[in-house]
N, C-alpha and C. Protein backbone atom coordinates (compact mmCIF):
# COMPACT_ATOMS: atom_id res chain seq x y z
N ASP A 1 37.68 -4.83 4.11
CA ASP A 1 39.32 -4.56 4.07
C ASP A 1 39.90 -5.98 4.44
N GLU A 2 40.56 -6.40 3.40
CA GLU A 2 41.18 -7.66 3.92
C GLU A 2 42.29 -7.57 5.10
N GLY A 3 42.16 -8.14 5.96
CA GLY A 3 43.13 -8.13 7.30
C GLY A 3 42.70 -7.02 8.15
N GLY A 4 41.76 -6.07 7.66
CA GLY A 4 41.44 -5.02 8.68
C GLY A 4 40.08 -5.52 9.42
N THR A 5 39.48 -4.27 9.96
CA THR A 5 38.19 -4.55 10.58
C THR A 5 37.13 -4.14 9.78
N SER A 6 36.08 -4.91 9.84
CA SER A 6 34.74 -4.67 9.11
C SER A 6 33.59 -4.55 10.26
N MET A 7 32.47 -3.75 9.84
CA MET A 7 31.24 -3.68 10.53
C MET A 7 30.30 -3.64 9.64
N TYR A 8 29.24 -4.55 9.96
CA TYR A 8 28.19 -4.59 9.17
C TYR A 8 26.92 -4.19 10.00
N GLU A 9 26.22 -3.14 9.75
CA GLU A 9 24.84 -2.99 10.72
C GLU A 9 23.96 -1.98 9.88
N PRO A 10 22.72 -2.15 10.09
CA PRO A 10 21.71 -1.49 9.41
C PRO A 10 21.88 -0.13 10.30
N ILE A 11 21.66 1.07 9.29
CA ILE A 11 21.70 2.45 9.95
C ILE A 11 20.20 3.02 9.91
N GLY A 12 20.00 3.71 11.24
CA GLY A 12 18.74 4.24 11.15
C GLY A 12 18.17 4.37 12.52
N GLY A 13 19.16 4.34 13.40
CA GLY A 13 18.68 4.26 15.15
C GLY A 13 18.01 3.14 15.39
N SER A 14 17.70 3.00 16.68
CA SER A 14 17.16 2.05 17.63
C SER A 14 15.50 1.92 17.47
N ALA A 15 15.26 3.01 17.16
CA ALA A 15 13.41 3.28 17.16
C ALA A 15 12.95 2.72 18.37
N PRO A 16 13.05 2.99 19.56
CA PRO A 16 12.65 2.42 20.83
C PRO A 16 11.22 2.61 20.92
N LYS A 17 10.46 3.43 20.15
CA LYS A 17 9.27 3.78 20.35
C LYS A 17 8.24 2.53 19.66
N TYR A 18 8.98 1.80 18.91
CA TYR A 18 8.49 0.62 18.38
C TYR A 18 8.63 -0.76 18.97
N THR A 19 9.43 -0.68 20.09
CA THR A 19 9.73 -1.88 20.91
C THR A 19 8.54 -2.70 21.10
N GLY A 20 8.63 -4.00 20.91
CA GLY A 20 7.57 -5.17 21.06
C GLY A 20 6.35 -4.91 20.07
N GLN A 21 6.56 -4.05 19.07
CA GLN A 21 5.27 -4.14 17.99
C GLN A 21 5.37 -4.73 16.81
N ASP A 22 6.48 -5.35 16.66
CA ASP A 22 6.55 -6.44 15.47
C ASP A 22 6.22 -5.61 14.17
N VAL A 23 6.71 -4.16 14.12
CA VAL A 23 6.32 -3.44 12.80
C VAL A 23 7.44 -2.89 12.17
N ILE A 24 8.86 -3.24 12.62
CA ILE A 24 9.88 -2.60 12.15
C ILE A 24 10.32 -3.33 10.81
N ASN A 25 10.73 -2.73 9.66
CA ASN A 25 11.41 -3.43 8.64
C ASN A 25 12.63 -3.97 8.75
N PRO A 26 12.78 -5.41 8.76
CA PRO A 26 14.04 -6.06 9.07
C PRO A 26 14.92 -6.05 7.93
N LEU A 27 14.61 -5.57 6.77
CA LEU A 27 15.42 -5.77 5.52
C LEU A 27 16.75 -5.08 5.62
N ALA A 28 17.03 -3.77 6.30
CA ALA A 28 18.43 -3.47 6.29
C ALA A 28 19.36 -4.16 7.27
N ALA A 29 18.73 -5.07 8.17
CA ALA A 29 19.33 -5.81 9.18
C ALA A 29 19.82 -7.10 8.18
N ILE A 30 18.92 -7.53 7.46
CA ILE A 30 19.17 -8.72 6.79
C ILE A 30 20.00 -8.51 5.66
N GLY A 31 20.20 -7.21 5.13
CA GLY A 31 20.84 -6.54 4.09
C GLY A 31 22.35 -6.66 4.50
N ALA A 32 22.63 -6.20 5.94
CA ALA A 32 23.81 -6.15 6.50
C ALA A 32 24.28 -7.61 6.74
N LEU A 33 23.45 -8.46 6.74
CA LEU A 33 24.06 -10.07 6.82
C LEU A 33 24.49 -10.39 5.47
N ALA A 34 23.77 -9.77 4.53
CA ALA A 34 24.31 -10.21 3.34
C ALA A 34 25.72 -9.75 2.89
N MET A 35 25.73 -8.52 3.23
CA MET A 35 27.01 -7.88 3.17
C MET A 35 28.32 -8.59 4.07
N LEU A 36 28.02 -8.86 5.27
CA LEU A 36 28.97 -9.65 6.00
C LEU A 36 29.33 -11.04 5.36
N LEU A 37 28.24 -11.75 4.84
CA LEU A 37 28.63 -13.15 4.12
C LEU A 37 29.61 -12.78 2.91
N GLN A 38 29.10 -11.83 2.20
CA GLN A 38 29.91 -11.50 0.87
C GLN A 38 31.36 -11.26 1.11
N ASN A 39 31.63 -10.63 2.12
CA ASN A 39 32.94 -9.78 2.51
C ASN A 39 33.70 -10.89 3.44
N SER A 40 33.09 -11.94 3.86
CA SER A 40 33.83 -12.87 5.01
C SER A 40 33.81 -14.17 4.15
N GLY A 41 34.05 -14.24 2.92
CA GLY A 41 34.38 -15.67 2.21
C GLY A 41 33.12 -16.40 1.91
N TYR A 42 31.97 -16.01 2.12
CA TYR A 42 30.75 -16.44 1.90
C TYR A 42 29.86 -15.77 0.62
N LYS A 43 30.47 -15.42 -0.24
CA LYS A 43 30.01 -14.56 -1.13
C LYS A 43 28.72 -15.25 -1.91
N LYS A 44 28.79 -16.46 -2.08
CA LYS A 44 27.64 -17.27 -2.86
C LYS A 44 26.37 -17.02 -1.80
N ALA A 45 26.57 -17.36 -0.56
CA ALA A 45 25.63 -17.13 0.41
C ALA A 45 24.90 -15.83 0.60
N GLY A 46 25.99 -14.77 0.60
CA GLY A 46 25.45 -13.28 0.74
C GLY A 46 24.76 -13.26 -0.54
N ASP A 47 25.29 -13.43 -1.67
CA ASP A 47 24.48 -13.26 -2.87
C ASP A 47 23.10 -13.93 -2.93
N ARG A 48 22.81 -14.94 -2.26
CA ARG A 48 21.81 -15.63 -2.14
C ARG A 48 20.67 -14.87 -1.22
N VAL A 49 21.30 -14.20 -0.22
CA VAL A 49 20.34 -13.45 0.95
C VAL A 49 20.09 -12.41 0.10
N GLU A 50 20.93 -11.52 -0.61
CA GLU A 50 20.52 -10.18 -1.30
C GLU A 50 19.52 -10.67 -2.21
N GLU A 51 19.50 -11.89 -3.23
CA GLU A 51 18.47 -11.96 -3.99
C GLU A 51 16.96 -12.15 -3.32
N ALA A 52 17.08 -12.74 -2.22
CA ALA A 52 15.75 -13.30 -1.61
C ALA A 52 15.36 -11.76 -1.01
N ILE A 53 15.99 -10.80 -0.68
CA ILE A 53 15.71 -9.45 -0.20
C ILE A 53 14.97 -8.67 -1.57
N LYS A 54 15.65 -8.93 -2.62
CA LYS A 54 15.15 -8.37 -3.90
C LYS A 54 13.91 -9.06 -4.34
N LYS A 55 13.35 -10.30 -4.14
CA LYS A 55 12.39 -10.76 -4.30
C LYS A 55 11.10 -10.36 -3.40
N THR A 56 11.77 -10.22 -2.16
CA THR A 56 10.62 -9.74 -1.12
C THR A 56 10.28 -8.59 -1.11
N THR A 57 11.09 -7.55 -1.45
CA THR A 57 10.65 -6.01 -1.60
C THR A 57 9.42 -5.82 -2.30
N PRO A 58 9.25 -6.41 -3.44
CA PRO A 58 8.09 -5.94 -4.37
C PRO A 58 6.59 -6.53 -3.61
N LYS A 59 6.82 -7.31 -2.59
CA LYS A 59 5.65 -7.80 -1.85
C LYS A 59 5.29 -6.93 -0.86
N LEU A 60 6.11 -5.85 -0.49
CA LEU A 60 5.40 -5.08 0.40
C LEU A 60 4.79 -3.98 0.14
N LYS A 61 3.79 -3.23 0.79
CA LYS A 61 3.04 -2.10 0.53
C LYS A 61 3.86 -0.92 0.55
N SER A 62 4.85 -0.98 1.61
CA SER A 62 5.75 0.12 1.88
C SER A 62 6.93 -0.42 2.49
N LEU A 63 8.05 0.47 2.81
CA LEU A 63 9.05 -0.03 3.39
C LEU A 63 9.19 0.69 4.93
N SER A 64 8.08 1.30 5.02
CA SER A 64 7.93 2.02 6.28
C SER A 64 7.45 1.57 7.46
N ALA A 65 8.02 1.62 8.58
CA ALA A 65 7.40 0.80 9.90
C ALA A 65 5.97 1.04 9.90
N GLY A 66 5.42 -0.29 10.35
CA GLY A 66 3.80 -0.47 10.38
C GLY A 66 3.16 -0.17 9.15
N LYS A 67 3.79 0.12 8.01
CA LYS A 67 2.92 0.31 6.76
C LYS A 67 3.40 -0.63 5.58
N MET A 68 4.23 -2.09 6.08
CA MET A 68 4.69 -3.01 5.03
C MET A 68 3.41 -3.86 4.73
N GLY A 69 2.40 -3.70 5.56
CA GLY A 69 1.28 -4.94 5.10
C GLY A 69 1.82 -6.23 5.71
N TYR A 70 2.91 -6.31 6.35
CA TYR A 70 3.47 -7.47 7.08
C TYR A 70 4.07 -6.95 8.31
N SER A 71 4.21 -8.07 9.33
CA SER A 71 4.75 -7.76 10.50
C SER A 71 6.31 -7.84 10.24
N THR A 72 7.14 -7.61 10.95
CA THR A 72 8.59 -7.72 11.12
C THR A 72 8.85 -9.46 10.88
N THR A 73 8.13 -10.13 11.80
CA THR A 73 8.46 -11.41 11.57
C THR A 73 8.03 -12.07 10.35
N GLU A 74 6.85 -11.59 9.74
CA GLU A 74 6.51 -12.07 8.41
C GLU A 74 7.32 -11.77 7.35
N VAL A 75 8.05 -10.35 7.43
CA VAL A 75 8.89 -10.20 6.40
C VAL A 75 9.99 -10.87 6.58
N GLY A 76 10.65 -11.25 7.46
CA GLY A 76 11.66 -12.04 7.58
C GLY A 76 11.31 -13.53 7.41
N ASN A 77 10.32 -13.88 7.62
CA ASN A 77 9.97 -15.36 6.86
C ASN A 77 9.57 -15.24 5.37
N LEU A 78 9.22 -14.19 4.89
CA LEU A 78 9.31 -14.00 3.63
C LEU A 78 10.81 -14.24 2.90
N VAL A 79 11.55 -13.40 3.39
CA VAL A 79 13.06 -13.48 2.95
C VAL A 79 13.50 -14.87 2.98
N VAL A 80 13.04 -15.70 4.20
CA VAL A 80 13.60 -16.93 4.34
C VAL A 80 12.98 -17.89 3.27
N ASP A 81 11.71 -17.61 2.84
CA ASP A 81 10.87 -18.48 1.86
C ASP A 81 11.57 -18.17 0.35
N ASN A 82 12.21 -16.84 0.09
CA ASN A 82 12.73 -16.52 -0.99
C ASN A 82 14.05 -17.04 -1.09
N LEU A 83 14.68 -17.78 -0.05
CA LEU A 83 16.23 -18.06 -0.17
C LEU A 83 16.29 -19.37 -1.20
């Protein structure tokens, strides 16, 4: 909303039972970053982040916490590698 207030966040709750386990899928949070960039005058950067997510997703065994085949940190690193 031009001139208005926008909020970009992953939806799904805080999942406190997974605190410190490095098993949460970070792609929703990274996707929120892509939307923030796309709608804040950095469309090209946001599009790059979105494409990196699309390249990363097929590498995961599952999108569920603890079942991705990678840790949270590793998934984040895969996205960075795909930028």
